[in-house]
Amino acid sequence: MAINFDLNDLLAFRAVAELGNFRRAAESVHISQPAFSRRIDKLEEALGARLLERTTRRVNLTTVGRDFDRQLRQILDALDTTLLGIRGVAASRMGEVTVACVPSAVNYFLSGVIAAYHQRYPKIRVRIMDDSANAVLTSVARGEADFGLNFVGSQENDVEFEPLLEEHFVAACRRDHPLAGQAQVTWLELAKYDYISAGKTSGNRLLLDQALAGVPGKPHSMYETQHGTTMIGLVEAGLGVAVVPSMAMPAADHPLLVSVPLVDPVVKRKMGLIKRRSSVLTPAAQQLYDLCAEMQVKSKLRTSRFDDFQNTAPAHSPGQ
């Protein structure tokens, strides 16, 4: 059976899949809307399946369309890379990479990686799906993201987990808070102050609850939020103290906030790169994946205050 569509039809489908609107998609490929519609109809007829669900306001991908779009992106990116490699102009490479990432890792790790990546490949578009740990894992497992940056996934059979770094949870407080000048703070001490906690559906909340099971004098929340950035904002406003991963804290020279090493018990999490075991990353995605691994050293420097303390102070066991 002959394939009755061409590259222009595929590019038209990619445009409407990304923009969700026929008029804007037609403008992006520089043809009229009727001609654009004919290309989509031709592609659907050739494939024998509906790829799009059309409404008066928006165009959505069908289940078949989402799967086709995912595979098509990989094919087009590989084709683009091959052609540009032949021409010897890799710096002009075009394409798209989708990364799922927990929010705490975006501002103070992934943003730096993407900045370096953009310098090397300025025409590659990067989509960031910043969401909860469970949502990041699901996005990668379903193939909605090329890969992810997460602290969940090491126990999943279908997911490959490459550890990047181990970070500690720290107490976040204002510089004018009584705890700010201490070399360390225990959970028992923390319980004396208004406490801002993560919501019950948060991956960090689950990790902390497991680590603190049976520990006496745990803090009880006065405020509860779903996102770490909101927690930091409430701390900055002087509403209390919070426990966050060290990566979630601003730089050490922040004018209002400071992190204090948290002990008795020390709680850690491993952050790593996750991807489906069965998947082969596109060249563009592989480059970004590799760059994340290369730049892990920079994020390790953010935990140096706690590491220095650990090297000079006696060890503390949970519950002591």
C-alpha atoms as a PDB file:
ATOM      1  CA  MET A   1       0.000   0.000   0.000  1.00  0.00           C
ATOM      2  CA  ALA A   2       1.464   3.337  -1.066  1.00  0.00           C
ATOM      3  CA  ILE A   3       1.874   6.102   1.494  1.00  0.00           C
ATOM      4  CA  ASN A   4      -0.296   8.943   0.253  1.00  0.00           C
ATOM      5  CA  PHE A   5       1.157  11.848   2.260  1.00  0.00           C
ATOM      6  CA  ASP A   6       4.384  13.838   2.338  1.00  0.00           C
ATOM      7  CA  LEU A   7       6.603  15.788   4.685  1.00  0.00           C
ATOM      8  CA  ASN A   8       4.501  18.953   4.352  1.00  0.00           C
ATOM      9  CA  ASP A   9       1.461  17.073   5.645  1.00  0.00           C
ATOM     10  CA  LEU A  10       3.455  15.875   8.654  1.00  0.00           C
ATOM     11  CA  LEU A  11       4.725  19.374   9.369  1.00  0.00           C
ATOM     12  CA  ALA A  12       1.165  20.694   9.168  1.00  0.00           C
ATOM     13  CA  PHE A  13       0.044  18.128  11.738  1.00  0.00           C
ATOM     14  CA  ARG A  14       2.920  19.077  14.055  1.00  0.00           C
ATOM     15  CA  ALA A  15       1.955  22.736  13.783  1.00  0.00           C
ATOM     16  CA  VAL A  16      -1.669  22.172  14.779  1.00  0.00           C
ATOM     17  CA  ALA A  17      -0.674  19.696  17.498  1.00  0.00           C
ATOM     18  CA  GLU A  18       1.535  22.357  19.055  1.00  0.00           C
ATOM     19  CA  LEU A  19      -0.652  25.418  18.522  1.00  0.00           C
ATOM     20  CA  GLY A  20      -4.086  23.825  19.015  1.00  0.00           C
ATOM     21  CA  ASN A  21      -5.662  26.125  16.437  1.00  0.00           C
ATOM     22  CA  PHE A  22      -6.107  25.705  12.674  1.00  0.00           C
ATOM     23  CA  ARG A  23      -5.791  29.378  11.796  1.00  0.00           C
ATOM     24  CA  ARG A  24      -2.551  29.926  13.739  1.00  0.00           C
ATOM     25  CA  ALA A  25      -1.150  26.623  12.514  1.00  0.00           C
ATOM     26  CA  ALA A  26      -1.912  27.534   8.887  1.00  0.00           C
ATOM     27  CA  GLU A  27      -0.218  30.911   9.345  1.00  0.00           C
ATOM     28  CA  SER A  28       2.849  29.235  10.856  1.00  0.00           C
ATOM     29  CA  VAL A  29       3.398  27.139   7.716  1.00  0.00           C
ATOM     30  CA  HIS A  30       2.421  30.008   5.394  1.00  0.00           C
ATOM     31  CA  ILE A  31      -0.608  28.517   3.633  1.00  0.00           C
ATOM     32  CA  SER A  32      -4.321  29.299   3.639  1.00  0.00           C
ATOM     33  CA  GLN A  33      -6.592  27.666   6.196  1.00  0.00           C
ATOM     34  CA  PRO A  34      -8.564  25.644   3.575  1.00  0.00           C
ATOM     35  CA  ALA A  35      -5.318  24.303   2.124  1.00  0.00           C
ATOM     36  CA  PHE A  36      -4.113  23.500   5.632  1.00  0.00           C
ATOM     37  CA  SER A  37      -7.324  21.585   6.396  1.00  0.00           C
ATOM     38  CA  ARG A  38      -6.886  19.569   3.201  1.00  0.00           C
ATOM     39  CA  ARG A  39      -3.414  18.526   4.333  1.00  0.00           C
ATOM     40  CA  ILE A  40      -4.755  17.265   7.655  1.00  0.00           C
ATOM     41  CA  ASP A  41      -7.650  15.451   5.970  1.00  0.00           C
ATOM     42  CA  LYS A  42      -5.203  13.853   3.548  1.00  0.00           C
ATOM     43  CA  LEU A  43      -2.976  12.652   6.385  1.00  0.00           C
ATOM     44  CA  GLU A  44      -5.883  11.216   8.396  1.00  0.00           C
ATOM     45  CA  GLU A  45      -7.243   9.471   5.316  1.00  0.00           C
ATOM     46  CA  ALA A  46      -3.849   7.966   4.515  1.00  0.00           C
ATOM     47  CA  LEU A  47      -3.415   6.707   8.070  1.00  0.00           C
ATOM     48  CA  GLY A  48      -7.001   5.538   8.388  1.00  0.00           C
ATOM     49  CA  ALA A  49      -7.410   7.175  11.786  1.00  0.00           C
ATOM     50  CA  ARG A  50      -8.632  10.425  13.305  1.00  0.00           C
ATOM     51  CA  LEU A  51      -5.753  12.375  14.745  1.00  0.00           C
ATOM     52  CA  LEU A  52      -7.621  15.493  15.835  1.00  0.00           C
ATOM     53  CA  GLU A  53     -10.823  16.365  17.651  1.00  0.00           C
ATOM     54  CA  ARG A  54     -12.105  19.700  16.378  1.00  0.00           C
ATOM     55  CA  THR A  55     -14.238  22.074  18.457  1.00  0.00           C
ATOM     56  CA  THR A  56     -15.312  25.636  17.761  1.00  0.00           C
ATOM     57  CA  ARG A  57     -12.507  27.053  19.896  1.00  0.00           C
ATOM     58  CA  ARG A  58      -9.699  24.523  19.997  1.00  0.00           C
ATOM     59  CA  VAL A  59      -8.273  21.451  18.346  1.00  0.00           C
ATOM     60  CA  ASN A  60      -7.279  18.548  20.592  1.00  0.00           C
ATOM     61  CA  LEU A  61      -5.316  15.410  19.800  1.00  0.00           C
ATOM     62  CA  THR A  62      -7.087  12.075  19.954  1.00  0.00           C
ATOM     63  CA  THR A  63      -5.428   9.178  21.770  1.00  0.00           C
ATOM     64  CA  VAL A  64      -4.082   7.970  18.425  1.00  0.00           C
ATOM     65  CA  GLY A  65      -3.041  11.528  17.601  1.00  0.00           C
ATOM     66  CA  ARG A  66      -1.047  11.912  20.830  1.00  0.00           C
ATOM     67  CA  ASP A  67       0.828   8.689  20.191  1.00  0.00           C
ATOM     68  CA  PHE A  68       1.456   9.644  16.550  1.00  0.00           C
ATOM     69  CA  ASP A  69       2.657  13.111  17.562  1.00  0.00           C
ATOM     70  CA  ARG A  70       5.096  11.687  20.096  1.00  0.00           C
ATOM     71  CA  GLN A  71       6.645   9.342  17.545  1.00  0.00           C
ATOM     72  CA  LEU A  72       6.597  11.965  14.802  1.00  0.00           C
ATOM     73  CA  ARG A  73       8.544  14.446  16.940  1.00  0.00           C
ATOM     74  CA  GLN A  74      11.283  11.881  17.404  1.00  0.00           C
ATOM     75  CA  ILE A  75      11.397  11.091  13.699  1.00  0.00           C
ATOM     76  CA  LEU A  76      11.504  14.738  12.604  1.00  0.00           C
ATOM     77  CA  ASP A  77      14.128  15.627  15.193  1.00  0.00           C
ATOM     78  CA  ALA A  78      16.305  12.711  14.101  1.00  0.00           C
ATOM     79  CA  LEU A  79      15.876  13.713  10.441  1.00  0.00           C
ATOM     80  CA  ASP A  80      16.749  17.313  11.217  1.00  0.00           C
ATOM     81  CA  THR A  81      19.838  16.267  13.165  1.00  0.00           C
ATOM     82  CA  THR A  82      20.988  13.978  10.361  1.00  0.00           C
ATOM     83  CA  LEU A  83      20.625  16.652   7.687  1.00  0.00           C
ATOM     84  CA  LEU A  84      22.329  19.303   9.757  1.00  0.00           C
ATOM     85  CA  GLY A  85      25.112  16.919  10.680  1.00  0.00           C
ATOM     86  CA  ILE A  86      25.769  16.302   6.989  1.00  0.00           C
ATOM     87  CA  ARG A  87      25.947  20.046   6.436  1.00  0.00           C
ATOM     88  CA  GLY A  88      28.253  20.476   9.432  1.00  0.00           C
ATOM     89  CA  VAL A  89      26.123  23.152  11.081  1.00  0.00           C
ATOM     90  CA  ALA A  90      25.107  21.466  14.321  1.00  0.00           C
ATOM     91  CA  ALA A  91      24.827  24.833  16.050  1.00  0.00           C
ATOM     92  CA  SER A  92      21.785  25.545  13.894  1.00  0.00           C
ATOM     93  CA  ARG A  93      20.029  22.338  14.922  1.00  0.00           C
ATOM     94  CA  MET A  94      16.287  22.695  15.436  1.00  0.00           C
ATOM     95  CA  GLY A  95      13.886  20.556  17.394  1.00  0.00           C
ATOM     96  CA  GLU A  96      12.076  20.266  20.687  1.00  0.00           C
ATOM     97  CA  VAL A  97      12.812  18.593  24.010  1.00  0.00           C
ATOM     98  CA  THR A  98      10.266  18.043  26.786  1.00  0.00           C
ATOM     99  CA  VAL A  99      11.554  17.690  30.343  1.00  0.00           C
ATOM    100  CA  ALA A 100       9.394  16.838  33.360  1.00  0.00           C
ATOM    101  CA  CYS A 101      10.836  18.201  36.582  1.00  0.00           C
ATOM    102  CA  VAL A 102       9.879  18.751  40.208  1.00  0.00           C
ATOM    103  CA  PRO A 103       9.634  22.520  40.876  1.00  0.00           C
ATOM    104  CA  SER A 104      12.365  22.560  43.543  1.00  0.00           C
ATOM    105  CA  ALA A 105      14.906  21.540  40.913  1.00  0.00           C
ATOM    106  CA  VAL A 106      13.877  24.081  38.269  1.00  0.00           C
ATOM    107  CA  ASN A 107      15.084  27.428  39.619  1.00  0.00           C
ATOM    108  CA  TYR A 108      18.414  26.402  41.080  1.00  0.00           C
ATOM    109  CA  PHE A 109      19.509  23.531  38.846  1.00  0.00           C
ATOM    110  CA  LEU A 110      17.588  22.999  35.629  1.00  0.00           C
ATOM    111  CA  SER A 111      17.490  26.688  34.730  1.00  0.00           C
ATOM    112  CA  GLY A 112      21.297  26.799  34.672  1.00  0.00           C
ATOM    113  CA  VAL A 113      21.477  23.640  32.590  1.00  0.00           C
ATOM    114  CA  ILE A 114      19.004  25.006  30.055  1.00  0.00           C
ATOM    115  CA  ALA A 115      20.930  28.283  29.832  1.00  0.00           C
ATOM    116  CA  ALA A 116      24.094  26.352  28.936  1.00  0.00           C
ATOM    117  CA  TYR A 117      22.128  24.157  26.524  1.00  0.00           C
ATOM    118  CA  HIS A 118      20.684  27.208  24.779  1.00  0.00           C
ATOM    119  CA  GLN A 119      24.172  28.571  24.219  1.00  0.00           C
ATOM    120  CA  ARG A 120      25.083  25.373  22.352  1.00  0.00           C
ATOM    121  CA  TYR A 121      21.788  24.795  20.531  1.00  0.00           C
ATOM    122  CA  PRO A 122      19.959  28.141  20.338  1.00  0.00           C
ATOM    123  CA  LYS A 123      17.218  26.909  17.981  1.00  0.00           C
ATOM    124  CA  ILE A 124      16.047  23.922  20.027  1.00  0.00           C
ATOM    125  CA  ARG A 125      12.842  24.586  21.945  1.00  0.00           C
ATOM    126  CA  VAL A 126      12.666  23.255  25.512  1.00  0.00           C
ATOM    127  CA  ARG A 127       9.329  22.518  27.202  1.00  0.00           C
ATOM    128  CA  ILE A 128       9.390  22.160  30.996  1.00  0.00           C
ATOM    129  CA  MET A 129       6.611  20.232  32.715  1.00  0.00           C
ATOM    130  CA  ASP A 130       7.105  21.370  36.315  1.00  0.00           C
ATOM    131  CA  ASP A 131       4.848  19.281  38.517  1.00  0.00           C
ATOM    132  CA  SER A 132       4.682  17.025  41.554  1.00  0.00           C
ATOM    133  CA  ALA A 133       7.002  14.037  41.855  1.00  0.00           C
ATOM    134  CA  ASN A 134       4.238  11.567  41.007  1.00  0.00           C
ATOM    135  CA  ALA A 135       3.090  13.618  38.013  1.00  0.00           C
ATOM    136  CA  VAL A 136       6.686  13.849  36.725  1.00  0.00           C
ATOM    137  CA  LEU A 137       7.044  10.080  37.005  1.00  0.00           C
ATOM    138  CA  THR A 138       3.753   9.536  35.162  1.00  0.00           C
ATOM    139  CA  SER A 139       4.701  11.956  32.369  1.00  0.00           C
ATOM    140  CA  VAL A 140       7.946  10.099  31.733  1.00  0.00           C
ATOM    141  CA  ALA A 141       6.366   6.639  32.000  1.00  0.00           C
ATOM    142  CA  ARG A 142       3.687   7.602  29.464  1.00  0.00           C
ATOM    143  CA  GLY A 143       6.181   9.148  27.059  1.00  0.00           C
ATOM    144  CA  GLU A 144       4.713  12.637  27.443  1.00  0.00           C
ATOM    145  CA  ALA A 145       8.185  13.895  28.420  1.00  0.00           C
ATOM    146  CA  ASP A 146      11.491  12.816  26.921  1.00  0.00           C
ATOM    147  CA  PHE A 147      12.996  12.450  30.378  1.00  0.00           C
ATOM    148  CA  GLY A 148      12.577  13.817  33.866  1.00  0.00           C
ATOM    149  CA  LEU A 149      14.393  15.166  36.908  1.00  0.00           C
ATOM    150  CA  ASN A 150      12.914  13.639  40.018  1.00  0.00           C
ATOM    151  CA  PHE A 151      13.490  12.010  43.400  1.00  0.00           C
ATOM    152  CA  VAL A 152      10.894   9.331  42.638  1.00  0.00           C
ATOM    153  CA  GLY A 153      11.385   6.512  40.151  1.00  0.00           C
ATOM    154  CA  SER A 154      14.226   4.340  41.424  1.00  0.00           C
ATOM    155  CA  GLN A 155      11.785   1.579  42.411  1.00  0.00           C
ATOM    156  CA  GLU A 156       9.935   1.486  39.088  1.00  0.00           C
ATOM    157  CA  ASN A 157      10.719  -1.448  36.802  1.00  0.00           C
ATOM    158  CA  ASP A 158       9.914   0.452  33.605  1.00  0.00           C
ATOM    159  CA  VAL A 159      11.891   3.553  34.550  1.00  0.00           C
ATOM    160  CA  GLU A 160      15.659   4.018  34.508  1.00  0.00           C
ATOM    161  CA  PHE A 161      16.910   6.160  37.400  1.00  0.00           C
ATOM    162  CA  GLU A 162      20.369   7.746  37.166  1.00  0.00           C
ATOM    163  CA  PRO A 163      21.314   9.406  40.491  1.00  0.00           C
ATOM    164  CA  LEU A 164      22.674  12.915  40.188  1.00  0.00           C
ATOM    165  CA  LEU A 165      23.083  14.054  43.761  1.00  0.00           C
ATOM    166  CA  GLU A 166      21.957  13.505  47.319  1.00  0.00           C
ATOM    167  CA  GLU A 167      20.588  16.553  49.064  1.00  0.00           C
ATOM    168  CA  HIS A 168      19.507  17.233  52.637  1.00  0.00           C
ATOM    169  CA  PHE A 169      16.330  18.788  53.918  1.00  0.00           C
ATOM    170  CA  VAL A 170      17.055  22.051  55.713  1.00  0.00           C
ATOM    171  CA  ALA A 171      15.157  24.461  57.908  1.00  0.00           C
ATOM    172  CA  ALA A 172      14.242  27.601  55.964  1.00  0.00           C
ATOM    173  CA  CYS A 173      13.786  30.796  57.964  1.00  0.00           C
ATOM    174  CA  ARG A 174      14.280  34.539  57.779  1.00  0.00           C
ATOM    175  CA  ARG A 175      17.634  36.019  58.752  1.00  0.00           C
ATOM    176  CA  ASP A 176      15.969  37.789  61.688  1.00  0.00           C
ATOM    177  CA  HIS A 177      14.506  34.526  63.050  1.00  0.00           C
ATOM    178  CA  PRO A 178      15.943  33.080  66.324  1.00  0.00           C
ATOM    179  CA  LEU A 179      17.053  29.918  64.491  1.00  0.00           C
ATOM    180  CA  ALA A 180      18.955  31.762  61.769  1.00  0.00           C
ATOM    181  CA  GLY A 181      22.200  32.090  63.738  1.00  0.00           C
ATOM    182  CA  GLN A 182      22.387  28.466  64.851  1.00  0.00           C
ATOM    183  CA  ALA A 183      24.837  25.969  63.397  1.00  0.00           C
ATOM    184  CA  GLN A 184      22.082  23.350  63.359  1.00  0.00           C
ATOM    185  CA  VAL A 185      18.508  22.839  64.463  1.00  0.00           C
ATOM    186  CA  THR A 186      16.704  19.715  65.663  1.00  0.00           C
ATOM    187  CA  TRP A 187      13.153  18.780  64.786  1.00  0.00           C
ATOM    188  CA  LEU A 188      12.255  19.245  68.451  1.00  0.00           C
ATOM    189  CA  GLU A 189      13.532  22.818  68.373  1.00  0.00           C
ATOM    190  CA  LEU A 190      11.722  23.453  65.117  1.00  0.00           C
ATOM    191  CA  ALA A 191       8.413  22.450  66.719  1.00  0.00           C
ATOM    192  CA  LYS A 192       8.538  25.539  68.965  1.00  0.00           C
ATOM    193  CA  TYR A 193       7.816  27.849  66.030  1.00  0.00           C
ATOM    194  CA  ASP A 194       4.969  28.295  63.546  1.00  0.00           C
ATOM    195  CA  TYR A 195       5.559  25.616  60.945  1.00  0.00           C
ATOM    196  CA  ILE A 196       4.738  25.663  57.226  1.00  0.00           C
ATOM    197  CA  SER A 197       4.373  22.167  55.796  1.00  0.00           C
ATOM    198  CA  ALA A 198       3.951  20.593  52.384  1.00  0.00           C
ATOM    199  CA  GLY A 199       0.508  19.268  51.445  1.00  0.00           C
ATOM    200  CA  LYS A 200      -0.395  15.637  52.025  1.00  0.00           C
ATOM    201  CA  THR A 201      -0.142  14.820  48.305  1.00  0.00           C
ATOM    202  CA  SER A 202       3.419  16.152  48.054  1.00  0.00           C
ATOM    203  CA  GLY A 203       6.208  13.663  47.443  1.00  0.00           C
ATOM    204  CA  ASN A 204       8.376  15.563  49.913  1.00  0.00           C
ATOM    205  CA  ARG A 205       5.641  15.315  52.547  1.00  0.00           C
ATOM    206  CA  LEU A 206       5.493  11.539  52.113  1.00  0.00           C
ATOM    207  CA  LEU A 207       9.271  11.259  52.347  1.00  0.00           C
ATOM    208  CA  LEU A 208       9.379  13.382  55.523  1.00  0.00           C
ATOM    209  CA  ASP A 209       6.488  11.525  57.158  1.00  0.00           C
ATOM    210  CA  GLN A 210       8.275   8.228  56.578  1.00  0.00           C
ATOM    211  CA  ALA A 211      11.567   9.559  57.935  1.00  0.00           C
ATOM    212  CA  LEU A 212       9.929  11.032  61.036  1.00  0.00           C
ATOM    213  CA  ALA A 213       7.722   8.069  61.907  1.00  0.00           C
ATOM    214  CA  GLY A 214       8.150   7.492  65.647  1.00  0.00           C
ATOM    215  CA  VAL A 215      10.197  10.652  66.199  1.00  0.00           C
ATOM    216  CA  PRO A 216       8.844  12.511  69.286  1.00  0.00           C
ATOM    217  CA  GLY A 217       8.093  16.226  69.216  1.00  0.00           C
ATOM    218  CA  LYS A 218       7.493  16.569  65.464  1.00  0.00           C
ATOM    219  CA  PRO A 219       6.292  20.026  64.393  1.00  0.00           C
ATOM    220  CA  HIS A 220       2.609  20.457  63.560  1.00  0.00           C
ATOM    221  CA  SER A 221       1.752  22.757  60.720  1.00  0.00           C
ATOM    222  CA  MET A 222       0.159  26.137  61.155  1.00  0.00           C
ATOM    223  CA  TYR A 223       0.109  26.542  57.366  1.00  0.00           C
ATOM    224  CA  GLU A 224       0.037  23.988  54.555  1.00  0.00           C
ATOM    225  CA  THR A 225       0.815  24.531  50.881  1.00  0.00           C
ATOM    226  CA  GLN A 226       1.090  22.363  47.785  1.00  0.00           C
ATOM    227  CA  HIS A 227       4.191  23.931  46.256  1.00  0.00           C
ATOM    228  CA  GLY A 228       7.662  24.571  47.616  1.00  0.00           C
ATOM    229  CA  THR A 229       7.835  28.028  46.077  1.00  0.00           C
ATOM    230  CA  THR A 230       4.734  28.979  48.070  1.00  0.00           C
ATOM    231  CA  MET A 231       6.350  27.660  51.246  1.00  0.00           C
ATOM    232  CA  ILE A 232       9.432  29.786  50.612  1.00  0.00           C
ATOM    233  CA  GLY A 233       7.204  32.798  49.971  1.00  0.00           C
ATOM    234  CA  LEU A 234       5.426  32.360  53.311  1.00  0.00           C
ATOM    235  CA  VAL A 235       8.756  32.027  55.099  1.00  0.00           C
ATOM    236  CA  GLU A 236       9.970  35.194  53.409  1.00  0.00           C
ATOM    237  CA  ALA A 237       6.815  36.958  54.617  1.00  0.00           C
ATOM    238  CA  GLY A 238       7.711  36.031  58.200  1.00  0.00           C
ATOM    239  CA  LEU A 239       4.836  33.598  58.755  1.00  0.00           C
ATOM    240  CA  GLY A 240       6.977  30.782  60.092  1.00  0.00           C
ATOM    241  CA  VAL A 241       9.662  28.232  59.313  1.00  0.00           C
ATOM    242  CA  ALA A 242       9.599  25.426  56.763  1.00  0.00           C
ATOM    243  CA  VAL A 243      11.548  22.308  55.866  1.00  0.00           C
ATOM    244  CA  VAL A 244      12.615  22.150  52.237  1.00  0.00           C
ATOM    245  CA  PRO A 245      15.229  20.356  50.122  1.00  0.00           C
ATOM    246  CA  SER A 246      18.471  22.330  50.036  1.00  0.00           C
ATOM    247  CA  MET A 247      18.102  22.721  46.268  1.00  0.00           C
ATOM    248  CA  ALA A 248      14.859  24.639  46.787  1.00  0.00           C
ATOM    249  CA  MET A 249      16.586  27.398  48.765  1.00  0.00           C
ATOM    250  CA  PRO A 250      17.746  30.626  47.104  1.00  0.00           C
ATOM    251  CA  ALA A 251      21.443  31.483  46.907  1.00  0.00           C
ATOM    252  CA  ALA A 252      23.369  31.856  50.174  1.00  0.00           C
ATOM    253  CA  ASP A 253      23.556  35.635  49.743  1.00  0.00           C
ATOM    254  CA  HIS A 254      19.756  36.039  49.701  1.00  0.00           C
ATOM    255  CA  PRO A 255      18.934  39.219  51.669  1.00  0.00           C
ATOM    256  CA  LEU A 256      16.045  37.730  53.678  1.00  0.00           C
ATOM    257  CA  LEU A 257      16.325  33.938  53.789  1.00  0.00           C
ATOM    258  CA  VAL A 258      18.776  31.476  55.249  1.00  0.00           C
ATOM    259  CA  SER A 259      18.905  27.688  55.543  1.00  0.00           C
ATOM    260  CA  VAL A 260      19.989  25.902  58.716  1.00  0.00           C
ATOM    261  CA  PRO A 261      21.177  22.260  58.770  1.00  0.00           C
ATOM    262  CA  LEU A 262      18.439  20.059  60.222  1.00  0.00           C
ATOM    263  CA  VAL A 263      19.358  17.097  62.449  1.00  0.00           C
ATOM    264  CA  ASP A 264      17.907  14.436  64.761  1.00  0.00           C
ATOM    265  CA  PRO A 265      17.116  12.978  62.311  1.00  0.00           C
ATOM    266  CA  VAL A 266      18.959  14.065  59.194  1.00  0.00           C
ATOM    267  CA  VAL A 267      16.637  13.540  56.220  1.00  0.00           C
ATOM    268  CA  LYS A 268      17.970  13.177  52.662  1.00  0.00           C
ATOM    269  CA  ARG A 269      16.632  12.534  49.203  1.00  0.00           C
ATOM    270  CA  LYS A 270      18.316  11.396  46.000  1.00  0.00           C
ATOM    271  CA  MET A 271      17.661  13.486  42.920  1.00  0.00           C
ATOM    272  CA  GLY A 272      18.193  11.826  39.582  1.00  0.00           C
ATOM    273  CA  LEU A 273      17.397  11.661  35.891  1.00  0.00           C
ATOM    274  CA  ILE A 274      14.585   9.325  34.876  1.00  0.00           C
ATOM    275  CA  LYS A 275      13.594   7.948  31.491  1.00  0.00           C
ATOM    276  CA  ARG A 276      11.702   4.952  30.148  1.00  0.00           C
ATOM    277  CA  ARG A 277      13.882   1.870  29.844  1.00  0.00           C
ATOM    278  CA  SER A 278      12.377   1.033  26.471  1.00  0.00           C
ATOM    279  CA  SER A 279      12.894   4.480  24.960  1.00  0.00           C
ATOM    280  CA  VAL A 280      15.750   5.854  22.904  1.00  0.00           C
ATOM    281  CA  LEU A 281      16.171   9.594  23.371  1.00  0.00           C
ATOM    282  CA  THR A 282      16.267  11.853  20.334  1.00  0.00           C
ATOM    283  CA  PRO A 283      19.674  13.450  19.720  1.00  0.00           C
ATOM    284  CA  ALA A 284      18.416  16.792  21.049  1.00  0.00           C
ATOM    285  CA  ALA A 285      17.006  15.196  24.221  1.00  0.00           C
ATOM    286  CA  GLN A 286      20.160  13.126  24.735  1.00  0.00           C
ATOM    287  CA  GLN A 287      22.300  16.256  24.598  1.00  0.00           C
ATOM    288  CA  LEU A 288      20.226  17.910  27.325  1.00  0.00           C
ATOM    289  CA  TYR A 289      20.146  14.702  29.369  1.00  0.00           C
ATOM    290  CA  ASP A 290      23.937  14.452  29.226  1.00  0.00           C
ATOM    291  CA  LEU A 291      24.342  18.120  30.122  1.00  0.00           C
ATOM    292  CA  CYS A 292      22.232  17.622  33.262  1.00  0.00           C
ATOM    293  CA  ALA A 293      24.641  14.885  34.328  1.00  0.00           C
ATOM    294  CA  GLU A 294      27.667  17.068  33.556  1.00  0.00           C
ATOM    295  CA  MET A 295      26.380  19.998  35.613  1.00  0.00           C
ATOM    296  CA  GLN A 296      25.464  18.046  38.742  1.00  0.00           C
ATOM    297  CA  VAL A 297      28.632  19.292  40.456  1.00  0.00           C
ATOM    298  CA  LYS A 298      27.287  22.849  40.511  1.00  0.00           C
ATOM    299  CA  SER A 299      24.170  21.797  42.377  1.00  0.00           C
ATOM    300  CA  LYS A 300      26.256  19.826  44.859  1.00  0.00           C
ATOM    301  CA  LEU A 301      27.969  23.070  45.825  1.00  0.00           C
ATOM    302  CA  ARG A 302      24.625  24.337  47.116  1.00  0.00           C
ATOM    303  CA  THR A 303      24.657  21.765  49.914  1.00  0.00           C
ATOM    304  CA  SER A 304      28.216  22.610  51.003  1.00  0.00           C
ATOM    305  CA  ARG A 305      27.105  24.343  54.201  1.00  0.00           C
ATOM    306  CA  PHE A 306      25.478  21.164  55.457  1.00  0.00           C
ATOM    307  CA  ASP A 307      28.335  18.996  54.211  1.00  0.00           C
ATOM    308  CA  ASP A 308      30.882  21.170  56.032  1.00  0.00           C
ATOM    309  CA  PHE A 309      28.850  20.851  59.209  1.00  0.00           C
ATOM    310  CA  GLN A 310      28.606  17.075  58.807  1.00  0.00           C
ATOM    311  CA  ASN A 311      32.392  16.824  58.423  1.00  0.00           C
ATOM    312  CA  THR A 312      33.098  18.746  61.626  1.00  0.00           C
ATOM    313  CA  ALA A 313      30.230  17.809  63.966  1.00  0.00           C
ATOM    314  CA  PRO A 314      29.429  14.513  65.701  1.00  0.00           C
ATOM    315  CA  ALA A 315      27.019  12.263  63.892  1.00  0.00           C
ATOM    316  CA  HIS A 316      23.392  12.266  65.034  1.00  0.00           C
ATOM    317  CA  SER A 317      21.144   9.246  64.802  1.00  0.00           C
ATOM    318  CA  PRO A 318      17.383   9.510  64.262  1.00  0.00           C
ATOM    319  CA  GLY A 319      15.463   9.782  67.496  1.00  0.00           C
ATOM    320  CA  GLN A 320      18.430  10.703  69.687  1.00  0.00           C
END
